[in-house]
Amino acid sequence: MKESCPSVTALRVAMRRAVHQIIDHPKIFSDSLALRIVGAEKEPEKQLDPKWFEQTPLEYRLRAFLAARSRCAEDGLTDAINRGVRQYVVLGAGLDTFAYRNSSPADTLHVFEVDHPTTQAWKRTRLEEAGIPIPRNLTFCPVDFESETLEEGLQRAELDTRKGIFFSWLGVTPYITSSAITTTLRFVASLPAGSGIVFDYMISPSLLNPIQRRVFDGLARRVAFAGEPFQTFFDPSLLKSSLLEMGFGSIEDLGPEELNARYFQGRTDELRVGSLSHVMNARV
């Protein structure tokens, strides 16, 4: 991401999340503010660029994965709340809208949104323009993951690390260094029992077959052209071992087969998760 500009990827994710609300039936992930935050609440087909409505195989798979990972994160949050967690941190929040449609009472769940300062300032402008009020149980926490640790940023936001915390970390790990990822995951693993994190990651290109590799190469060129190149990939089995070594006790790795079986069975359209990414649910 360019230091002086908000994340291009964050906007693209928000656009696909908005389109999912109006053209994919049934929806995998419901977001009542997805259209509003991108300024397309009244006439989305006219207010959004037609390219977001393209029904190509790549668009189907991108939109499916974005919906599935958001669903995994909020399902994971529900589980965390049921086991007593009362703090939720959205890492790399982008235009995520959970905090603004959250129905939990303010005294039972506090939300912390963490993002790069430039992207977070841009989001706050979008919220104001959309007339979306900021709830009192939300704290904004600007953090540049490459210049300070998550722990340092959250200390400023007065997060209580003596109590359980649930994290979602979506659409971030491919774009930052492996050392920054490891530092963040070790911090989460050090938190009280019951804490947890849902994050997505891209699998190592060396594990892809030739067709998958061509898809990956095309996507990599697109994000690099936008100024946000891929940096980090994982071998699922090695990542799982690393998480166990860090201290996570319960780990669920959801690849394409698991995600499609859980969320996409019985569909008559082409909405399916592709083969490039996984969703990890790790609990302390």
C-alpha atoms as a PDB file:
ATOM      1  CA  MET A   1       0.000   0.000   0.000  1.00  0.00           C
ATOM      2  CA  LYS A   2       1.275   3.476  -0.827  1.00  0.00           C
ATOM      3  CA  GLU A   3       1.819   5.484   2.351  1.00  0.00           C
ATOM      4  CA  SER A   4      -0.206   8.487   1.167  1.00  0.00           C
ATOM      5  CA  CYS A   5      -3.137   6.489  -0.260  1.00  0.00           C
ATOM      6  CA  PRO A   6      -5.756   4.196   1.255  1.00  0.00           C
ATOM      7  CA  SER A   7      -5.640   0.515   0.435  1.00  0.00           C
ATOM      8  CA  VAL A   8      -6.814  -0.279  -3.088  1.00  0.00           C
ATOM      9  CA  THR A   9      -7.381  -3.858  -1.971  1.00  0.00           C
ATOM     10  CA  ALA A  10      -9.672  -2.717   0.853  1.00  0.00           C
ATOM     11  CA  LEU A  11     -11.915  -0.935  -1.642  1.00  0.00           C
ATOM     12  CA  ARG A  12     -11.990  -3.912  -4.007  1.00  0.00           C
ATOM     13  CA  VAL A  13     -12.945  -6.224  -1.148  1.00  0.00           C
ATOM     14  CA  ALA A  14     -15.728  -3.873  -0.073  1.00  0.00           C
ATOM     15  CA  MET A  15     -17.083  -3.678  -3.627  1.00  0.00           C
ATOM     16  CA  ARG A  16     -17.219  -7.459  -3.990  1.00  0.00           C
ATOM     17  CA  ARG A  17     -18.825  -7.782  -0.570  1.00  0.00           C
ATOM     18  CA  ALA A  18     -21.471  -5.269  -1.659  1.00  0.00           C
ATOM     19  CA  VAL A  19     -22.137  -7.062  -4.945  1.00  0.00           C
ATOM     20  CA  HIS A  20     -22.489 -10.357  -3.062  1.00  0.00           C
ATOM     21  CA  GLN A  21     -25.478  -8.860  -1.240  1.00  0.00           C
ATOM     22  CA  ILE A  22     -27.450  -8.262  -4.437  1.00  0.00           C
ATOM     23  CA  ILE A  23     -26.530 -10.910  -7.019  1.00  0.00           C
ATOM     24  CA  ASP A  24     -25.695 -14.083  -5.072  1.00  0.00           C
ATOM     25  CA  HIS A  25     -28.718 -15.998  -3.782  1.00  0.00           C
ATOM     26  CA  PRO A  26     -28.721 -17.307  -1.183  1.00  0.00           C
ATOM     27  CA  LYS A  27     -26.055 -15.116   0.391  1.00  0.00           C
ATOM     28  CA  ILE A  28     -23.180 -16.753   2.226  1.00  0.00           C
ATOM     29  CA  PHE A  29     -22.546 -13.628   4.282  1.00  0.00           C
ATOM     30  CA  SER A  30     -25.162 -10.991   5.076  1.00  0.00           C
ATOM     31  CA  ASP A  31     -23.967  -7.420   5.530  1.00  0.00           C
ATOM     32  CA  SER A  32     -26.704  -4.825   5.854  1.00  0.00           C
ATOM     33  CA  LEU A  33     -24.229  -1.936   5.471  1.00  0.00           C
ATOM     34  CA  ALA A  34     -22.094  -3.279   2.627  1.00  0.00           C
ATOM     35  CA  LEU A  35     -23.822  -1.190  -0.039  1.00  0.00           C
ATOM     36  CA  ARG A  36     -24.168   1.893   2.108  1.00  0.00           C
ATOM     37  CA  ILE A  37     -20.485   2.178   2.983  1.00  0.00           C
ATOM     38  CA  VAL A  38     -19.481   2.122  -0.701  1.00  0.00           C
ATOM     39  CA  GLY A  39     -22.117   4.725  -1.584  1.00  0.00           C
ATOM     40  CA  ALA A  40     -24.402   2.388  -3.506  1.00  0.00           C
ATOM     41  CA  GLU A  41     -27.382   1.868  -1.236  1.00  0.00           C
ATOM     42  CA  LYS A  42     -30.152   3.239  -3.471  1.00  0.00           C
ATOM     43  CA  GLU A  43     -29.374   2.015  -7.008  1.00  0.00           C
ATOM     44  CA  PRO A  44     -26.319  -0.238  -6.818  1.00  0.00           C
ATOM     45  CA  GLU A  45     -26.467  -1.376 -10.439  1.00  0.00           C
ATOM     46  CA  LYS A  46     -26.164   2.267 -11.518  1.00  0.00           C
ATOM     47  CA  GLN A  47     -23.894   3.520  -8.742  1.00  0.00           C
ATOM     48  CA  LEU A  48     -21.251   0.776  -8.991  1.00  0.00           C
ATOM     49  CA  ASP A  49     -18.870   0.219 -11.882  1.00  0.00           C
ATOM     50  CA  PRO A  50     -20.237  -2.580 -14.137  1.00  0.00           C
ATOM     51  CA  LYS A  51     -16.940  -4.465 -13.794  1.00  0.00           C
ATOM     52  CA  TRP A  52     -17.953  -5.531 -10.270  1.00  0.00           C
ATOM     53  CA  PHE A  53     -20.909  -7.439 -11.728  1.00  0.00           C
ATOM     54  CA  GLU A  54     -18.853  -9.531 -14.144  1.00  0.00           C
ATOM     55  CA  GLN A  55     -19.695 -13.230 -13.876  1.00  0.00           C
ATOM     56  CA  THR A  56     -16.320 -14.652 -14.831  1.00  0.00           C
ATOM     57  CA  PRO A  57     -14.918 -17.762 -13.100  1.00  0.00           C
ATOM     58  CA  LEU A  58     -12.302 -15.620 -11.340  1.00  0.00           C
ATOM     59  CA  GLU A  59     -14.890 -13.147 -10.038  1.00  0.00           C
ATOM     60  CA  TYR A  60     -17.086 -15.981  -8.772  1.00  0.00           C
ATOM     61  CA  ARG A  61     -14.164 -17.475  -6.865  1.00  0.00           C
ATOM     62  CA  LEU A  62     -12.908 -14.200  -5.457  1.00  0.00           C
ATOM     63  CA  ARG A  63     -16.373 -13.183  -4.308  1.00  0.00           C
ATOM     64  CA  ALA A  64     -17.024 -16.624  -2.835  1.00  0.00           C
ATOM     65  CA  PHE A  65     -13.819 -16.614  -0.822  1.00  0.00           C
ATOM     66  CA  LEU A  66     -14.362 -13.084   0.483  1.00  0.00           C
ATOM     67  CA  ALA A  67     -17.865 -14.016   1.632  1.00  0.00           C
ATOM     68  CA  ALA A  68     -16.724 -17.304   3.161  1.00  0.00           C
ATOM     69  CA  ARG A  69     -13.842 -15.824   5.129  1.00  0.00           C
ATOM     70  CA  SER A  70     -16.086 -13.080   6.551  1.00  0.00           C
ATOM     71  CA  ARG A  71     -18.641 -15.700   7.520  1.00  0.00           C
ATOM     72  CA  CYS A  72     -15.915 -17.785   9.205  1.00  0.00           C
ATOM     73  CA  ALA A  73     -14.712 -14.770  11.167  1.00  0.00           C
ATOM     74  CA  GLU A  74     -18.134 -13.782  12.453  1.00  0.00           C
ATOM     75  CA  ASP A  75     -19.077 -17.400  13.193  1.00  0.00           C
ATOM     76  CA  GLY A  76     -15.826 -17.616  15.147  1.00  0.00           C
ATOM     77  CA  LEU A  77     -16.693 -14.435  17.015  1.00  0.00           C
ATOM     78  CA  THR A  78     -20.072 -15.879  17.993  1.00  0.00           C
ATOM     79  CA  ASP A  79     -18.328 -18.943  19.399  1.00  0.00           C
ATOM     80  CA  ALA A  80     -15.893 -16.721  21.309  1.00  0.00           C
ATOM     81  CA  ILE A  81     -18.708 -14.656  22.804  1.00  0.00           C
ATOM     82  CA  ASN A  82     -20.439 -17.857  23.889  1.00  0.00           C
ATOM     83  CA  ARG A  83     -17.323 -18.859  25.813  1.00  0.00           C
ATOM     84  CA  GLY A  84     -17.134 -15.481  27.533  1.00  0.00           C
ATOM     85  CA  VAL A  85     -14.897 -13.327  25.340  1.00  0.00           C
ATOM     86  CA  ARG A  86     -15.912  -9.661  25.412  1.00  0.00           C
ATOM     87  CA  GLN A  87     -13.225  -7.993  23.275  1.00  0.00           C
ATOM     88  CA  TYR A  88     -13.069  -8.216  19.475  1.00  0.00           C
ATOM     89  CA  VAL A  89     -10.153  -6.888  17.415  1.00  0.00           C
ATOM     90  CA  VAL A  90     -10.559  -6.475  13.649  1.00  0.00           C
ATOM     91  CA  LEU A  91      -7.045  -6.423  12.209  1.00  0.00           C
ATOM     92  CA  GLY A  92      -6.707  -4.712   8.840  1.00  0.00           C
ATOM     93  CA  ALA A  93     -10.335  -3.653   9.126  1.00  0.00           C
ATOM     94  CA  GLY A  94     -10.620  -1.900   5.771  1.00  0.00           C
ATOM     95  CA  LEU A  95     -14.317  -1.160   5.185  1.00  0.00           C
ATOM     96  CA  ASP A  96     -15.512  -3.973   7.457  1.00  0.00           C
ATOM     97  CA  THR A  97     -18.902  -3.041   8.926  1.00  0.00           C
ATOM     98  CA  PHE A  98     -19.325  -5.427  11.851  1.00  0.00           C
ATOM     99  CA  ALA A  99     -18.917  -2.744  14.518  1.00  0.00           C
ATOM    100  CA  TYR A 100     -21.716  -0.658  12.977  1.00  0.00           C
ATOM    101  CA  ARG A 101     -24.291  -3.448  12.638  1.00  0.00           C
ATOM    102  CA  ASN A 102     -23.326  -5.248  15.832  1.00  0.00           C
ATOM    103  CA  SER A 103     -26.417  -6.010  17.906  1.00  0.00           C
ATOM    104  CA  SER A 104     -24.539  -6.919  21.102  1.00  0.00           C
ATOM    105  CA  PRO A 105     -25.093  -4.492  23.998  1.00  0.00           C
ATOM    106  CA  ALA A 106     -22.275  -1.980  24.363  1.00  0.00           C
ATOM    107  CA  ASP A 107     -21.300  -3.336  27.759  1.00  0.00           C
ATOM    108  CA  THR A 108     -20.951  -6.948  26.544  1.00  0.00           C
ATOM    109  CA  LEU A 109     -18.662  -6.543  23.514  1.00  0.00           C
ATOM    110  CA  HIS A 110     -16.041  -3.903  22.752  1.00  0.00           C
ATOM    111  CA  VAL A 111     -14.705  -3.719  19.203  1.00  0.00           C
ATOM    112  CA  PHE A 112     -11.252  -2.452  18.242  1.00  0.00           C
ATOM    113  CA  GLU A 113     -10.546  -1.667  14.589  1.00  0.00           C
ATOM    114  CA  VAL A 114      -6.869  -1.824  13.656  1.00  0.00           C
ATOM    115  CA  ASP A 115      -5.593  -0.567  10.314  1.00  0.00           C
ATOM    116  CA  HIS A 116      -2.923   1.500   8.627  1.00  0.00           C
ATOM    117  CA  PRO A 117      -3.417   5.169   9.617  1.00  0.00           C
ATOM    118  CA  THR A 118      -4.087   6.310   6.041  1.00  0.00           C
ATOM    119  CA  THR A 119      -6.672   3.611   5.354  1.00  0.00           C
ATOM    120  CA  GLN A 120      -8.369   4.170   8.698  1.00  0.00           C
ATOM    121  CA  ALA A 121      -8.688   7.915   8.090  1.00  0.00           C
ATOM    122  CA  TRP A 122     -10.197   7.161   4.664  1.00  0.00           C
ATOM    123  CA  LYS A 123     -12.695   4.778   6.248  1.00  0.00           C
ATOM    124  CA  ARG A 124     -13.801   7.362   8.780  1.00  0.00           C
ATOM    125  CA  THR A 125     -14.495   9.748   5.921  1.00  0.00           C
ATOM    126  CA  ARG A 126     -16.544   7.048   4.158  1.00  0.00           C
ATOM    127  CA  LEU A 127     -18.538   6.443   7.341  1.00  0.00           C
ATOM    128  CA  GLU A 128     -19.297  10.136   7.706  1.00  0.00           C
ATOM    129  CA  GLU A 129     -20.331  10.468   4.057  1.00  0.00           C
ATOM    130  CA  ALA A 130     -22.593   7.417   4.373  1.00  0.00           C
ATOM    131  CA  GLY A 131     -24.203   8.711   7.559  1.00  0.00           C
ATOM    132  CA  ILE A 132     -23.137   5.644   9.533  1.00  0.00           C
ATOM    133  CA  PRO A 133     -22.758   6.549  13.221  1.00  0.00           C
ATOM    134  CA  ILE A 134     -19.761   5.376  15.220  1.00  0.00           C
ATOM    135  CA  PRO A 135     -20.916   3.257  18.189  1.00  0.00           C
ATOM    136  CA  ARG A 136     -19.579   4.002  21.647  1.00  0.00           C
ATOM    137  CA  ASN A 137     -18.213   0.485  22.039  1.00  0.00           C
ATOM    138  CA  LEU A 138     -15.808   0.942  19.092  1.00  0.00           C
ATOM    139  CA  THR A 139     -12.203   2.095  19.395  1.00  0.00           C
ATOM    140  CA  PHE A 140     -10.137   3.020  16.341  1.00  0.00           C
ATOM    141  CA  CYS A 141      -6.514   1.925  16.585  1.00  0.00           C
ATOM    142  CA  PRO A 142      -4.175   3.080  13.779  1.00  0.00           C
ATOM    143  CA  VAL A 143      -1.169   0.744  13.442  1.00  0.00           C
ATOM    144  CA  ASP A 144       1.472   0.288  10.760  1.00  0.00           C
ATOM    145  CA  PHE A 145       2.384  -3.398  11.152  1.00  0.00           C
ATOM    146  CA  GLU A 146       5.782  -2.853   9.553  1.00  0.00           C
ATOM    147  CA  SER A 147       6.933  -0.127  11.969  1.00  0.00           C
ATOM    148  CA  GLU A 148       5.376  -1.186  15.274  1.00  0.00           C
ATOM    149  CA  THR A 149       3.941  -4.327  16.794  1.00  0.00           C
ATOM    150  CA  LEU A 150       0.278  -5.050  17.254  1.00  0.00           C
ATOM    151  CA  GLU A 151       0.838  -5.193  20.998  1.00  0.00           C
ATOM    152  CA  GLU A 152       2.257  -1.668  21.029  1.00  0.00           C
ATOM    153  CA  GLY A 153      -0.678  -0.333  19.045  1.00  0.00           C
ATOM    154  CA  LEU A 154      -3.286  -2.044  21.194  1.00  0.00           C
ATOM    155  CA  GLN A 155      -1.659  -0.781  24.382  1.00  0.00           C
ATOM    156  CA  ARG A 156      -2.481   2.741  23.224  1.00  0.00           C
ATOM    157  CA  ALA A 157      -6.087   1.674  22.679  1.00  0.00           C
ATOM    158  CA  GLU A 158      -6.275   0.309  26.247  1.00  0.00           C
ATOM    159  CA  LEU A 159      -7.129  -3.241  25.253  1.00  0.00           C
ATOM    160  CA  ASP A 160      -7.221  -5.442  28.352  1.00  0.00           C
ATOM    161  CA  THR A 161      -4.792  -8.273  27.637  1.00  0.00           C
ATOM    162  CA  ARG A 162      -5.617  -9.886  30.985  1.00  0.00           C
ATOM    163  CA  LYS A 163      -8.946 -10.965  29.517  1.00  0.00           C
ATOM    164  CA  GLY A 164      -9.910 -13.057  26.500  1.00  0.00           C
ATOM    165  CA  ILE A 165      -9.741 -11.446  23.060  1.00  0.00           C
ATOM    166  CA  PHE A 166     -10.945 -12.645  19.660  1.00  0.00           C
ATOM    167  CA  PHE A 167      -9.264 -11.434  16.468  1.00  0.00           C
ATOM    168  CA  SER A 168     -10.208 -11.470  12.813  1.00  0.00           C
ATOM    169  CA  TRP A 169      -7.391 -10.847  10.352  1.00  0.00           C
ATOM    170  CA  LEU A 170      -8.710 -11.000   6.814  1.00  0.00           C
ATOM    171  CA  GLY A 171      -6.944 -10.090   3.603  1.00  0.00           C
ATOM    172  CA  VAL A 172      -3.721  -9.008   5.294  1.00  0.00           C
ATOM    173  CA  THR A 173      -1.172 -11.808   5.591  1.00  0.00           C
ATOM    174  CA  PRO A 174      -0.350 -12.095   1.854  1.00  0.00           C
ATOM    175  CA  TYR A 175       0.679  -8.429   1.797  1.00  0.00           C
ATOM    176  CA  ILE A 176       3.043  -8.238   4.785  1.00  0.00           C
ATOM    177  CA  THR A 177       6.283  -9.924   5.784  1.00  0.00           C
ATOM    178  CA  SER A 178       6.466 -13.322   7.429  1.00  0.00           C
ATOM    179  CA  SER A 179       8.198 -11.781  10.448  1.00  0.00           C
ATOM    180  CA  ALA A 180       5.320  -9.338  10.977  1.00  0.00           C
ATOM    181  CA  ILE A 181       2.852 -12.235  10.744  1.00  0.00           C
ATOM    182  CA  THR A 182       4.810 -14.344  13.225  1.00  0.00           C
ATOM    183  CA  THR A 183       5.065 -11.474  15.711  1.00  0.00           C
ATOM    184  CA  THR A 184       1.309 -10.914  15.578  1.00  0.00           C
ATOM    185  CA  LEU A 185       0.442 -14.600  15.952  1.00  0.00           C
ATOM    186  CA  ARG A 186       2.838 -15.034  18.876  1.00  0.00           C
ATOM    187  CA  PHE A 187       1.157 -12.115  20.602  1.00  0.00           C
ATOM    188  CA  VAL A 188      -2.278 -13.693  20.162  1.00  0.00           C
ATOM    189  CA  ALA A 189      -0.965 -17.046  21.413  1.00  0.00           C
ATOM    190  CA  SER A 190       0.284 -15.344  24.589  1.00  0.00           C
ATOM    191  CA  LEU A 191      -3.198 -14.157  25.563  1.00  0.00           C
ATOM    192  CA  PRO A 192      -5.512 -15.807  28.127  1.00  0.00           C
ATOM    193  CA  ALA A 193      -7.208 -19.122  27.390  1.00  0.00           C
ATOM    194  CA  GLY A 194     -10.329 -18.708  25.278  1.00  0.00           C
ATOM    195  CA  SER A 195      -8.726 -16.091  23.046  1.00  0.00           C
ATOM    196  CA  GLY A 196      -8.502 -16.871  19.355  1.00  0.00           C
ATOM    197  CA  ILE A 197      -8.007 -15.654  15.809  1.00  0.00           C
ATOM    198  CA  VAL A 198      -9.457 -16.302  12.367  1.00  0.00           C
ATOM    199  CA  PHE A 199      -7.185 -15.332   9.490  1.00  0.00           C
ATOM    200  CA  ASP A 200      -6.788 -16.202   5.852  1.00  0.00           C
ATOM    201  CA  TYR A 201      -3.591 -16.973   3.996  1.00  0.00           C
ATOM    202  CA  MET A 202      -2.387 -17.897   0.530  1.00  0.00           C
ATOM    203  CA  ILE A 203      -0.757 -21.268   0.000  1.00  0.00           C
ATOM    204  CA  SER A 204       2.761 -21.452  -1.421  1.00  0.00           C
ATOM    205  CA  PRO A 205       2.762 -21.203  -5.233  1.00  0.00           C
ATOM    206  CA  SER A 206       5.006 -24.282  -5.352  1.00  0.00           C
ATOM    207  CA  LEU A 207       2.053 -26.344  -4.085  1.00  0.00           C
ATOM    208  CA  LEU A 208      -0.233 -25.307  -6.951  1.00  0.00           C
ATOM    209  CA  ASN A 209      -0.860 -27.337 -10.076  1.00  0.00           C
ATOM    210  CA  PRO A 210      -0.154 -25.700 -13.480  1.00  0.00           C
ATOM    211  CA  ILE A 211      -3.714 -24.402 -13.953  1.00  0.00           C
ATOM    212  CA  GLN A 212      -3.865 -23.010 -10.416  1.00  0.00           C
ATOM    213  CA  ARG A 213      -0.441 -21.458 -10.905  1.00  0.00           C
ATOM    214  CA  ARG A 214      -1.619 -19.572 -13.990  1.00  0.00           C
ATOM    215  CA  VAL A 215      -4.562 -18.188 -12.016  1.00  0.00           C
ATOM    216  CA  PHE A 216      -2.219 -17.200  -9.202  1.00  0.00           C
ATOM    217  CA  ASP A 217       0.231 -15.504 -11.581  1.00  0.00           C
ATOM    218  CA  GLY A 218      -2.559 -13.433 -13.110  1.00  0.00           C
ATOM    219  CA  LEU A 219      -3.835 -12.361  -9.711  1.00  0.00           C
ATOM    220  CA  ALA A 220      -0.313 -11.577  -8.509  1.00  0.00           C
ATOM    221  CA  ARG A 221       0.226  -9.282 -11.485  1.00  0.00           C
ATOM    222  CA  ARG A 222      -3.016  -7.441 -10.736  1.00  0.00           C
ATOM    223  CA  VAL A 223      -2.217  -6.723  -7.095  1.00  0.00           C
ATOM    224  CA  ALA A 224       1.367  -5.763  -7.907  1.00  0.00           C
ATOM    225  CA  PHE A 225       0.101  -3.296 -10.513  1.00  0.00           C
ATOM    226  CA  ALA A 226      -2.134  -1.793  -7.811  1.00  0.00           C
ATOM    227  CA  GLY A 227       0.939  -1.235  -5.636  1.00  0.00           C
ATOM    228  CA  GLU A 228       0.159  -3.982  -3.120  1.00  0.00           C
ATOM    229  CA  PRO A 229       2.201  -7.045  -4.170  1.00  0.00           C
ATOM    230  CA  PHE A 230       1.942 -10.440  -2.517  1.00  0.00           C
ATOM    231  CA  GLN A 231       4.790 -11.088  -0.082  1.00  0.00           C
ATOM    232  CA  THR A 232       4.064 -14.136   2.067  1.00  0.00           C
ATOM    233  CA  PHE A 233       2.684 -17.625   1.456  1.00  0.00           C
ATOM    234  CA  PHE A 234       2.388 -20.762   3.583  1.00  0.00           C
ATOM    235  CA  ASP A 235       2.495 -24.510   3.387  1.00  0.00           C
ATOM    236  CA  PRO A 236      -0.667 -25.472   5.361  1.00  0.00           C
ATOM    237  CA  SER A 237       0.958 -28.344   7.250  1.00  0.00           C
ATOM    238  CA  LEU A 238       3.978 -26.260   8.252  1.00  0.00           C
ATOM    239  CA  LEU A 239       1.769 -23.364   9.321  1.00  0.00           C
ATOM    240  CA  LYS A 240      -0.296 -25.662  11.510  1.00  0.00           C
ATOM    241  CA  SER A 241       2.854 -26.997  13.176  1.00  0.00           C
ATOM    242  CA  SER A 242       4.093 -23.450  13.778  1.00  0.00           C
ATOM    243  CA  LEU A 243       0.816 -22.438  15.418  1.00  0.00           C
ATOM    244  CA  LEU A 244       0.969 -25.422  17.758  1.00  0.00           C
ATOM    245  CA  GLU A 245       4.545 -24.522  18.673  1.00  0.00           C
ATOM    246  CA  MET A 246       3.435 -20.958  19.442  1.00  0.00           C
ATOM    247  CA  GLY A 247       0.938 -22.248  21.992  1.00  0.00           C
ATOM    248  CA  PHE A 248      -2.375 -22.436  20.178  1.00  0.00           C
ATOM    249  CA  GLY A 249      -4.337 -25.433  21.412  1.00  0.00           C
ATOM    250  CA  SER A 250      -7.171 -25.816  18.911  1.00  0.00           C
ATOM    251  CA  ILE A 251      -6.567 -25.331  15.195  1.00  0.00           C
ATOM    252  CA  GLU A 252      -8.982 -25.648  12.274  1.00  0.00           C
ATOM    253  CA  ASP A 253      -7.617 -25.175   8.776  1.00  0.00           C
ATOM    254  CA  LEU A 254     -10.317 -24.665   6.155  1.00  0.00           C
ATOM    255  CA  GLY A 255      -9.206 -25.152   2.574  1.00  0.00           C
ATOM    256  CA  PRO A 256     -11.365 -25.047  -0.564  1.00  0.00           C
ATOM    257  CA  GLU A 257     -12.902 -28.489   0.022  1.00  0.00           C
ATOM    258  CA  GLU A 258     -13.894 -27.685   3.595  1.00  0.00           C
ATOM    259  CA  LEU A 259     -15.213 -24.207   2.787  1.00  0.00           C
ATOM    260  CA  ASN A 260     -17.241 -25.410  -0.187  1.00  0.00           C
ATOM    261  CA  ALA A 261     -18.695 -28.291   1.836  1.00  0.00           C
ATOM    262  CA  ARG A 262     -19.615 -25.998   4.717  1.00  0.00           C
ATOM    263  CA  TYR A 263     -21.049 -22.999   2.891  1.00  0.00           C
ATOM    264  CA  PHE A 264     -21.690 -23.780  -0.787  1.00  0.00           C
ATOM    265  CA  GLN A 265     -23.334 -27.185  -0.987  1.00  0.00           C
ATOM    266  CA  GLY A 266     -26.489 -27.390  -3.073  1.00  0.00           C
ATOM    267  CA  ARG A 267     -25.976 -24.117  -4.934  1.00  0.00           C
ATOM    268  CA  THR A 268     -27.156 -23.895  -8.526  1.00  0.00           C
ATOM    269  CA  ASP A 269     -24.829 -21.037  -9.497  1.00  0.00           C
ATOM    270  CA  GLU A 270     -21.042 -21.072  -9.918  1.00  0.00           C
ATOM    271  CA  LEU A 271     -20.236 -19.500  -6.564  1.00  0.00           C
ATOM    272  CA  ARG A 272     -17.434 -21.675  -5.185  1.00  0.00           C
ATOM    273  CA  VAL A 273     -14.146 -21.081  -3.408  1.00  0.00           C
ATOM    274  CA  GLY A 274     -11.035 -21.524  -5.552  1.00  0.00           C
ATOM    275  CA  SER A 275      -7.742 -23.182  -4.672  1.00  0.00           C
ATOM    276  CA  LEU A 276      -5.378 -20.353  -3.732  1.00  0.00           C
ATOM    277  CA  SER A 277      -6.294 -19.558  -0.126  1.00  0.00           C
ATOM    278  CA  HIS A 278      -7.276 -21.099   3.198  1.00  0.00           C
ATOM    279  CA  VAL A 279      -8.957 -19.818   6.359  1.00  0.00           C
ATOM    280  CA  MET A 280      -7.355 -20.663   9.697  1.00  0.00           C
ATOM    281  CA  ASN A 281      -9.224 -20.682  13.010  1.00  0.00           C
ATOM    282  CA  ALA A 282      -6.780 -20.926  15.927  1.00  0.00           C
ATOM    283  CA  ARG A 283      -7.772 -20.871  19.585  1.00  0.00           C
ATOM    284  CA  VAL A 284      -5.584 -20.428  22.652  1.00  0.00           C
END
